[in-house]
PDB file of N, CA and C in Angstrom:
ATOM      1  N   MET A   1       0.105  15.297  13.678  1.00  0.00           N
ATOM      2  CA  MET A   1       1.619  15.249  14.027  1.00  0.00           C
ATOM      3  C   MET A   1       1.330  15.396  15.869  1.00  0.00           C
ATOM      4  N   ARG A   2       1.999  14.619  16.047  1.00  0.00           N
ATOM      5  CA  ARG A   2       3.080  13.886  17.696  1.00  0.00           C
ATOM      6  C   ARG A   2       3.699  14.754  18.082  1.00  0.00           C
ATOM      7  N   ASP A   3       4.186  14.484  20.181  1.00  0.00           N
ATOM      8  CA  ASP A   3       5.291  14.973  20.354  1.00  0.00           C
ATOM      9  C   ASP A   3       6.229  13.672  20.246  1.00  0.00           C
ATOM     10  N   ILE A   4       7.522  14.866  19.371  1.00  0.00           N
ATOM     11  CA  ILE A   4       8.947  13.295  19.809  1.00  0.00           C
ATOM     12  C   ILE A   4       8.686  12.728  21.688  1.00  0.00           C
ATOM     13  N   ARG A   5       9.792  12.130  21.310  1.00  0.00           N
ATOM     14  CA  ARG A   5      10.082  11.096  22.463  1.00  0.00           C
ATOM     15  C   ARG A   5      11.266  11.638  22.570  1.00  0.00           C
ATOM     16  N   ILE A   6      11.469  11.510  24.151  1.00  0.00           N
ATOM     17  CA  ILE A   6      12.674  10.795  24.007  1.00  0.00           C
ATOM     18  C   ILE A   6      12.513   9.693  25.082  1.00  0.00           C
ATOM     19  N   ASP A   7      14.345   9.530  24.490  1.00  0.00           N
ATOM     20  CA  ASP A   7      14.809   8.262  24.941  1.00  0.00           C
ATOM     21  C   ASP A   7      15.275   7.969  26.676  1.00  0.00           C
ATOM     22  N   SER A   8      15.635   6.583  27.392  1.00  0.00           N
ATOM     23  CA  SER A   8      16.754   7.036  28.249  1.00  0.00           C
ATOM     24  C   SER A   8      17.943   7.454  27.887  1.00  0.00           C
ATOM     25  N   ASP A   9      18.324   7.242  26.889  1.00  0.00           N
ATOM     26  CA  ASP A   9      20.912   8.931  27.075  1.00  0.00           C
ATOM     27  C   ASP A   9      19.793   9.766  26.668  1.00  0.00           C
ATOM     28  N   GLY A  10      18.596  10.623  26.600  1.00  0.00           N
ATOM     29  CA  GLY A  10      18.367  11.704  26.787  1.00  0.00           C
ATOM     30  C   GLY A  10      17.956  11.631  25.144  1.00  0.00           C
ATOM     31  N   SER A  11      18.371  10.652  23.721  1.00  0.00           N
ATOM     32  CA  SER A  11      18.507  11.323  22.316  1.00  0.00           C
ATOM     33  C   SER A  11      16.522  11.197  22.624  1.00  0.00           C
ATOM     34  N   PRO A  12      16.507  12.755  21.220  1.00  0.00           N
ATOM     35  CA  PRO A  12      15.169  12.534  20.725  1.00  0.00           C
ATOM     36  C   PRO A  12      14.864  11.526  19.334  1.00  0.00           C
ATOM     37  N   ARG A  13      13.562  10.733  19.687  1.00  0.00           N
ATOM     38  CA  ARG A  13      13.334   9.609  18.902  1.00  0.00           C
ATOM     39  C   ARG A  13      11.660  10.382  17.919  1.00  0.00           C
ATOM     40  N   CYS A  14      11.674   9.158  17.043  1.00  0.00           N
ATOM     41  CA  CYS A  14      10.549   9.635  16.172  1.00  0.00           C
ATOM     42  C   CYS A  14       9.048   9.430  17.269  1.00  0.00           C
ATOM     43  N   TRP A  15       7.577   9.477  16.925  1.00  0.00           N
ATOM     44  CA  TRP A  15       6.517   9.065  17.868  1.00  0.00           C
ATOM     45  C   TRP A  15       6.109   7.815  16.997  1.00  0.00           C
ATOM     46  N   ASN A  16       6.382   7.835  15.764  1.00  0.00           N
ATOM     47  CA  ASN A  16       5.842   6.822  14.817  1.00  0.00           C
ATOM     48  C   ASN A  16       7.179   5.820  14.652  1.00  0.00           C
ATOM     49  N   CYS A  17       7.668   6.201  13.858  1.00  0.00           N
ATOM     50  CA  CYS A  17       9.490   4.846  13.995  1.00  0.00           C
ATOM     51  C   CYS A  17      10.597   4.655  15.086  1.00  0.00           C
ATOM     52  N   GLY A  18      10.490   5.708  15.723  1.00  0.00           N
ATOM     53  CA  GLY A  18      11.907   5.595  16.595  1.00  0.00           C
ATOM     54  C   GLY A  18      12.757   5.689  16.458  1.00  0.00           C
ATOM     55  N   SER A  19      13.223   6.394  14.517  1.00  0.00           N
ATOM     56  CA  SER A  19      14.258   6.593  14.288  1.00  0.00           C
ATOM     57  C   SER A  19      15.492   8.306  15.139  1.00  0.00           C
ATOM     58  N   ARG A  20      16.177   7.429  15.082  1.00  0.00           N
ATOM     59  CA  ARG A  20      17.004   9.339  14.984  1.00  0.00           C
ATOM     60  C   ARG A  20      17.043   9.993  14.743  1.00  0.00           C
ATOM     61  N   GLY A  21      17.301   9.682  13.243  1.00  0.00           N
ATOM     62  CA  GLY A  21      17.369  10.629  12.322  1.00  0.00           C
ATOM     63  C   GLY A  21      16.470  11.953  11.895  1.00  0.00           C
ATOM     64  N   PHE A  22      17.175  13.358  12.452  1.00  0.00           N
ATOM     65  CA  PHE A  22      15.965  14.641  11.680  1.00  0.00           C
ATOM     66  C   PHE A  22      16.340  15.162  10.657  1.00  0.00           C
ATOM     67  N   THR A  23      15.262  16.319  10.086  1.00  0.00           N
ATOM     68  CA  THR A  23      15.598  17.150   9.852  1.00  0.00           C
ATOM     69  C   THR A  23      14.957  18.022   9.849  1.00  0.00           C
ATOM     70  N   GLU A  24      15.122  19.434  10.037  1.00  0.00           N
ATOM     71  CA  GLU A  24      14.416  20.795  10.664  1.00  0.00           C
ATOM     72  C   GLU A  24      13.916  21.364   9.505  1.00  0.00           C
ATOM     73  N   LYS A  25      11.882  21.331   9.133  1.00  0.00           N
ATOM     74  CA  LYS A  25      11.585  21.391   8.396  1.00  0.00           C
ATOM     75  C   LYS A  25      10.128  21.884   8.421  1.00  0.00           C
ATOM     76  N   ARG A  26       9.025  23.168   7.718  1.00  0.00           N
ATOM     77  CA  ARG A  26       8.225  23.653   8.208  1.00  0.00           C
ATOM     78  C   ARG A  26       7.139  23.196   6.919  1.00  0.00           C
ATOM     79  N   THR A  27       5.863  22.825   8.245  1.00  0.00           N
ATOM     80  CA  THR A  27       4.721  22.113   7.530  1.00  0.00           C
ATOM     81  C   THR A  27       4.755  22.439   6.380  1.00  0.00           C
ATOM     82  N   LEU A  28       4.031  22.264   5.076  1.00  0.00           N
ATOM     83  CA  LEU A  28       3.620  22.809   4.244  1.00  0.00           C
ATOM     84  C   LEU A  28       2.254  23.352   4.481  1.00  0.00           C
ATOM     85  N   ARG A  29       1.681  23.088   5.201  1.00  0.00           N
ATOM     86  CA  ARG A  29       0.659  23.494   6.170  1.00  0.00           C
ATOM     87  C   ARG A  29       0.692  25.351   6.122  1.00  0.00           C
ATOM     88  N   SER A  30       2.103  25.045   7.269  1.00  0.00           N
ATOM     89  CA  SER A  30       2.978  27.177   7.192  1.00  0.00           C
ATOM     90  C   SER A  30       3.373  27.392   5.991  1.00  0.00           C
ATOM     91  N   LYS A  31       3.325  27.192   4.740  1.00  0.00           N
ATOM     92  CA  LYS A  31       3.247  27.154   4.178  1.00  0.00           C
ATOM     93  C   LYS A  31       2.819  28.031   3.160  1.00  0.00           C
ATOM     94  N   ALA A  32       1.501  26.906   2.858  1.00  0.00           N
ATOM     95  CA  ALA A  32      -0.126  27.382   2.091  1.00  0.00           C
ATOM     96  C   ALA A  32      -0.498  28.791   3.046  1.00  0.00           C
ATOM     97  N   PHE A  33      -0.745  28.143   4.136  1.00  0.00           N
ATOM     98  CA  PHE A  33      -2.008  29.511   4.844  1.00  0.00           C
ATOM     99  C   PHE A  33      -0.880  30.490   4.944  1.00  0.00           C
ATOM    100  N   ILE A  34       0.021  30.604   5.365  1.00  0.00           N
ATOM    101  CA  ILE A  34       0.580  31.752   5.354  1.00  0.00           C
ATOM    102  C   ILE A  34       1.753  32.941   4.449  1.00  0.00           C
ATOM    103  N   GLY A  35       2.132  31.682   3.823  1.00  0.00           N
ATOM    104  CA  GLY A  35       3.156  32.648   2.920  1.00  0.00           C
ATOM    105  C   GLY A  35       4.414  32.738   3.345  1.00  0.00           C
ATOM    106  N   VAL A  36       4.878  34.062   2.147  1.00  0.00           N
ATOM    107  CA  VAL A  36       5.713  34.213   3.221  1.00  0.00           C
ATOM    108  C   VAL A  36       6.281  34.830   5.237  1.00  0.00           C
ATOM    109  N   GLY A  37       5.283  34.596   5.247  1.00  0.00           N
ATOM    110  CA  GLY A  37       4.996  35.008   7.128  1.00  0.00           C
ATOM    111  C   GLY A  37       5.797  33.554   7.511  1.00  0.00           C
ATOM    112  N   ALA A  38       5.526  32.304   6.753  1.00  0.00           N
ATOM    113  CA  ALA A  38       6.402  31.289   7.065  1.00  0.00           C
ATOM    114  C   ALA A  38       7.722  30.996   7.602  1.00  0.00           C
ATOM    115  N   LEU A  39       8.649  32.004   7.200  1.00  0.00           N
ATOM    116  CA  LEU A  39       9.816  32.034   7.146  1.00  0.00           C
ATOM    117  C   LEU A  39       9.260  32.366   8.702  1.00  0.00           C
ATOM    118  N   LEU A  40       8.757  33.254   9.735  1.00  0.00           N
ATOM    119  CA  LEU A  40       8.477  32.762  11.484  1.00  0.00           C
ATOM    120  C   LEU A  40       8.762  31.818  11.995  1.00  0.00           C
ATOM    121  N   THR A  41       7.477  31.064  11.237  1.00  0.00           N
ATOM    122  CA  THR A  41       6.863  29.982  12.361  1.00  0.00           C
ATOM    123  C   THR A  41       7.933  29.165  12.812  1.00  0.00           C
ATOM    124  N   LYS A  42       7.579  28.201  14.302  1.00  0.00           N
ATOM    125  CA  LYS A  42       8.795  27.325  14.416  1.00  0.00           C
ATOM    126  C   LYS A  42       9.102  26.305  13.305  1.00  0.00           C
ATOM    127  N   LYS A  43      10.176  25.400  13.200  1.00  0.00           N
ATOM    128  CA  LYS A  43      10.310  24.439  12.253  1.00  0.00           C
ATOM    129  C   LYS A  43       9.802  23.417  13.764  1.00  0.00           C
ATOM    130  N   LYS A  44       9.361  22.024  12.385  1.00  0.00           N
ATOM    131  CA  LYS A  44       8.709  21.063  13.121  1.00  0.00           C
ATOM    132  C   LYS A  44      10.526  20.174  12.472  1.00  0.00           C
ATOM    133  N   MET A  45      10.752  18.542  13.327  1.00  0.00           N
ATOM    134  CA  MET A  45      11.577  17.902  13.229  1.00  0.00           C
ATOM    135  C   MET A  45      10.510  17.020  11.806  1.00  0.00           C
ATOM    136  N   LYS A  46      11.407  16.437  10.917  1.00  0.00           N
ATOM    137  CA  LYS A  46      10.411  15.396   9.981  1.00  0.00           C
ATOM    138  C   LYS A  46      11.732  14.775   9.837  1.00  0.00           C
ATOM    139  N   CYS A  47      10.876  13.141  10.106  1.00  0.00           N
ATOM    140  CA  CYS A  47      11.850  12.305  10.005  1.00  0.00           C
ATOM    141  C   CYS A  47      12.520  12.063   9.024  1.00  0.00           C
ATOM    142  N   GLN A  48      13.925  11.023   8.983  1.00  0.00           N
ATOM    143  CA  GLN A  48      14.081  10.633   7.414  1.00  0.00           C
ATOM    144  C   GLN A  48      13.815   9.461   7.452  1.00  0.00           C
ATOM    145  N   GLN A  49      13.492   8.889   7.959  1.00  0.00           N
ATOM    146  CA  GLN A  49      12.811   7.306   7.880  1.00  0.00           C
ATOM    147  C   GLN A  49      11.865   7.499   7.762  1.00  0.00           C
ATOM    148  N   CYS A  50      10.640   7.161   8.389  1.00  0.00           N
ATOM    149  CA  CYS A  50       9.291   7.833   7.772  1.00  0.00           C
ATOM    150  C   CYS A  50       9.063   8.243   7.181  1.00  0.00           C
ATOM    151  N   GLY A  51       9.188   9.895   7.422  1.00  0.00           N
ATOM    152  CA  GLY A  51       8.645  11.305   6.836  1.00  0.00           C
ATOM    153  C   GLY A  51       7.292  11.683   8.086  1.00  0.00           C
ATOM    154  N   GLU A  52       7.161  11.773   8.779  1.00  0.00           N
ATOM    155  CA  GLU A  52       6.676  11.865  10.173  1.00  0.00           C
ATOM    156  C   GLU A  52       6.997  13.654  10.900  1.00  0.00           C
ATOM    157  N   TYR A  53       6.090  14.296  10.773  1.00  0.00           N
ATOM    158  CA  TYR A  53       6.482  15.178  11.142  1.00  0.00           C
ATOM    159  C   TYR A  53       6.133  15.028  12.992  1.00  0.00           C
ATOM    160  N   ASN A  54       7.743  15.810  13.948  1.00  0.00           N
ATOM    161  CA  ASN A  54       7.530  15.667  15.358  1.00  0.00           C
ATOM    162  C   ASN A  54       7.636  17.237  16.039  1.00  0.00           C
ATOM    163  N   ASP A  55       6.959  17.791  17.013  1.00  0.00           N
ATOM    164  CA  ASP A  55       6.590  18.655  17.493  1.00  0.00           C
ATOM    165  C   ASP A  55       7.565  18.129  18.405  1.00  0.00           C
ATOM    166  N   THR A  56       8.226  19.801  18.823  1.00  0.00           N
ATOM    167  CA  THR A  56       9.109  19.385  18.931  1.00  0.00           C
ATOM    168  C   THR A  56       9.074  20.225  20.981  1.00  0.00           C
ATOM    169  N   GLY A  57       7.220  20.253  21.047  1.00  0.00           N
ATOM    170  CA  GLY A  57       7.060  20.949  22.567  1.00  0.00           C
ATOM    171  C   GLY A  57       7.352  20.795  24.019  1.00  0.00           C
ATOM    172  N   ASN A  58       6.690  19.103  24.396  1.00  0.00           N
ATOM    173  CA  ASN A  58       6.871  19.234  24.873  1.00  0.00           C
ATOM    174  C   ASN A  58       7.265  17.424  24.750  1.00  0.00           C
ATOM    175  N   GLY A  59       8.606  16.728  25.017  1.00  0.00           N
ATOM    176  CA  GLY A  59       8.715  15.463  25.016  1.00  0.00           C
ATOM    177  C   GLY A  59       8.643  14.993  25.942  1.00  0.00           C
ATOM    178  N   LYS A  60       8.032  13.797  24.959  1.00  0.00           N
ATOM    179  CA  LYS A  60       7.131  12.445  26.469  1.00  0.00           C
ATOM    180  C   LYS A  60       7.784  11.372  26.270  1.00  0.00           C
ATOM    181  N   THR A  61       8.143  10.491  26.614  1.00  0.00           N
ATOM    182  CA  THR A  61       9.406   9.552  27.051  1.00  0.00           C
ATOM    183  C   THR A  61       9.131   8.219  25.985  1.00  0.00           C
ATOM    184  N   TRP A  62       9.960   7.663  25.608  1.00  0.00           N
ATOM    185  CA  TRP A  62       9.882   6.793  24.529  1.00  0.00           C
ATOM    186  C   TRP A  62       9.340   5.456  25.128  1.00  0.00           C
ATOM    187  N   ASP A  63       8.941   5.080  24.684  1.00  0.00           N
ATOM    188  CA  ASP A  63       8.563   3.494  25.322  1.00  0.00           C
ATOM    189  C   ASP A  63       8.472   2.348  23.941  1.00  0.00           C
ATOM    190  N   GLY A  64       8.789   2.744  22.845  1.00  0.00           N
ATOM    191  CA  GLY A  64       8.300   2.617  21.288  1.00  0.00           C
ATOM    192  C   GLY A  64       7.850   2.900  19.839  1.00  0.00           C
ATOM    193  N   PRO A  65       8.177   2.275  18.759  1.00  0.00           N
ATOM    194  CA  PRO A  65       7.432   2.868  18.344  1.00  0.00           C
ATOM    195  C   PRO A  65       5.781   2.820  18.158  1.00  0.00           C
ATOM    196  N   ALA A  66       5.000   4.042  18.171  1.00  0.00           N
ATOM    197  CA  ALA A  66       3.640   4.174  17.606  1.00  0.00           C
ATOM    198  C   ALA A  66       3.644   3.647  16.274  1.00  0.00           C
ATOM    199  N   GLY A  67       3.567   2.822  15.166  1.00  0.00           N
ATOM    200  CA  GLY A  67       3.231   2.841  14.072  1.00  0.00           C
ATOM    201  C   GLY A  67       3.769   1.325  13.889  1.00  0.00           C
ATOM    202  N   ARG A  68       2.512   0.707  13.792  1.00  0.00           N
ATOM    203  CA  ARG A  68       2.345  -0.535  13.507  1.00  0.00           C
ATOM    204  C   ARG A  68       3.145  -1.705  13.051  1.00  0.00           C
ATOM    205  N   LYS A  69       4.001  -1.282  12.176  1.00  0.00           N
ATOM    206  CA  LYS A  69       4.618  -1.312  11.114  1.00  0.00           C
ATOM    207  C   LYS A  69       5.830  -1.754  12.103  1.00  0.00           C
ATOM    208  N   TYR A  70       6.877  -0.871  12.592  1.00  0.00           N
ATOM    209  CA  TYR A  70       7.690   0.056  13.389  1.00  0.00           C
ATOM    210  C   TYR A  70       7.385  -0.845  14.469  1.00  0.00           C
ATOM    211  N   ARG A  71       6.624  -0.678  14.806  1.00  0.00           N
ATOM    212  CA  ARG A  71       6.274  -1.034  15.840  1.00  0.00           C
ATOM    213  C   ARG A  71       6.479  -3.009  16.173  1.00  0.00           C
ATOM    214  N   ASN A  72       5.882  -4.038  15.502  1.00  0.00           N
ATOM    215  CA  ASN A  72       6.631  -5.124  15.271  1.00  0.00           C
ATOM    216  C   ASN A  72       7.110  -6.077  14.948  1.00  0.00           C
ATOM    217  N   ALA A  73       8.267  -4.613  14.447  1.00  0.00           N
ATOM    218  CA  ALA A  73       9.641  -5.082  14.097  1.00  0.00           C
ATOM    219  C   ALA A  73      11.256  -4.696  14.998  1.00  0.00           C
ATOM    220  N   TRP A  74      10.832  -3.501  15.814  1.00  0.00           N
ATOM    221  CA  TRP A  74      11.296  -3.255  17.651  1.00  0.00           C
ATOM    222  C   TRP A  74       9.974  -4.306  18.171  1.00  0.00           C
ATOM    223  N   ASN A  75       9.760  -4.817  18.499  1.00  0.00           N
ATOM    224  CA  ASN A  75       9.731  -6.002  19.323  1.00  0.00           C
ATOM    225  C   ASN A  75       9.593  -7.583  18.475  1.00  0.00           C
ATOM    226  N   ALA A  76      10.220  -7.793  18.066  1.00  0.00           N
ATOM    227  CA  ALA A  76      11.338  -8.869  17.205  1.00  0.00           C
ATOM    228  C   ALA A  76      12.587  -8.735  17.546  1.00  0.00           C
ATOM    229  N   GLU A  77      12.679  -7.752  17.324  1.00  0.00           N
ATOM    230  CA  GLU A  77      14.326  -6.828  17.966  1.00  0.00           C
ATOM    231  C   GLU A  77      14.762  -6.760  19.247  1.00  0.00           C
ATOM    232  N   ARG A  78      13.556  -6.581  19.899  1.00  0.00           N
ATOM    233  CA  ARG A  78      14.084  -6.742  21.142  1.00  0.00           C
ATOM    234  C   ARG A  78      13.944  -7.929  21.950  1.00  0.00           C
ATOM    235  N   ALA A  79      13.140  -9.078  20.949  1.00  0.00           N
ATOM    236  CA  ALA A  79      13.136  -9.961  21.104  1.00  0.00           C
ATOM    237  C   ALA A  79      14.391 -11.371  21.563  1.00  0.00           C
ATOM    238  N   GLY A  80      14.611 -10.924  19.831  1.00  0.00           N
ATOM    239  CA  GLY A  80      15.990 -11.591  19.843  1.00  0.00           C
ATOM    240  C   GLY A  80      17.194 -11.040  19.555  1.00  0.00           C
TER     241      GLY A  80
END
């Protein structure tokens, strides 16, 4: 899990694919280790496109997706 990225418009983006669609969920790890106490833990932002969890603590600047598959598509889109 990595920190969420913030683009130039101030919108949050997924660190892996660059998507802007998120749902708030708790990770399976927090549910398994803590059980019912997981309801007290902070929710993470789960990307709807790639399914990766994004930590909302310290948002870093977005310079493109980190995933190789998504970065190649983003570079092709940006070039053309």
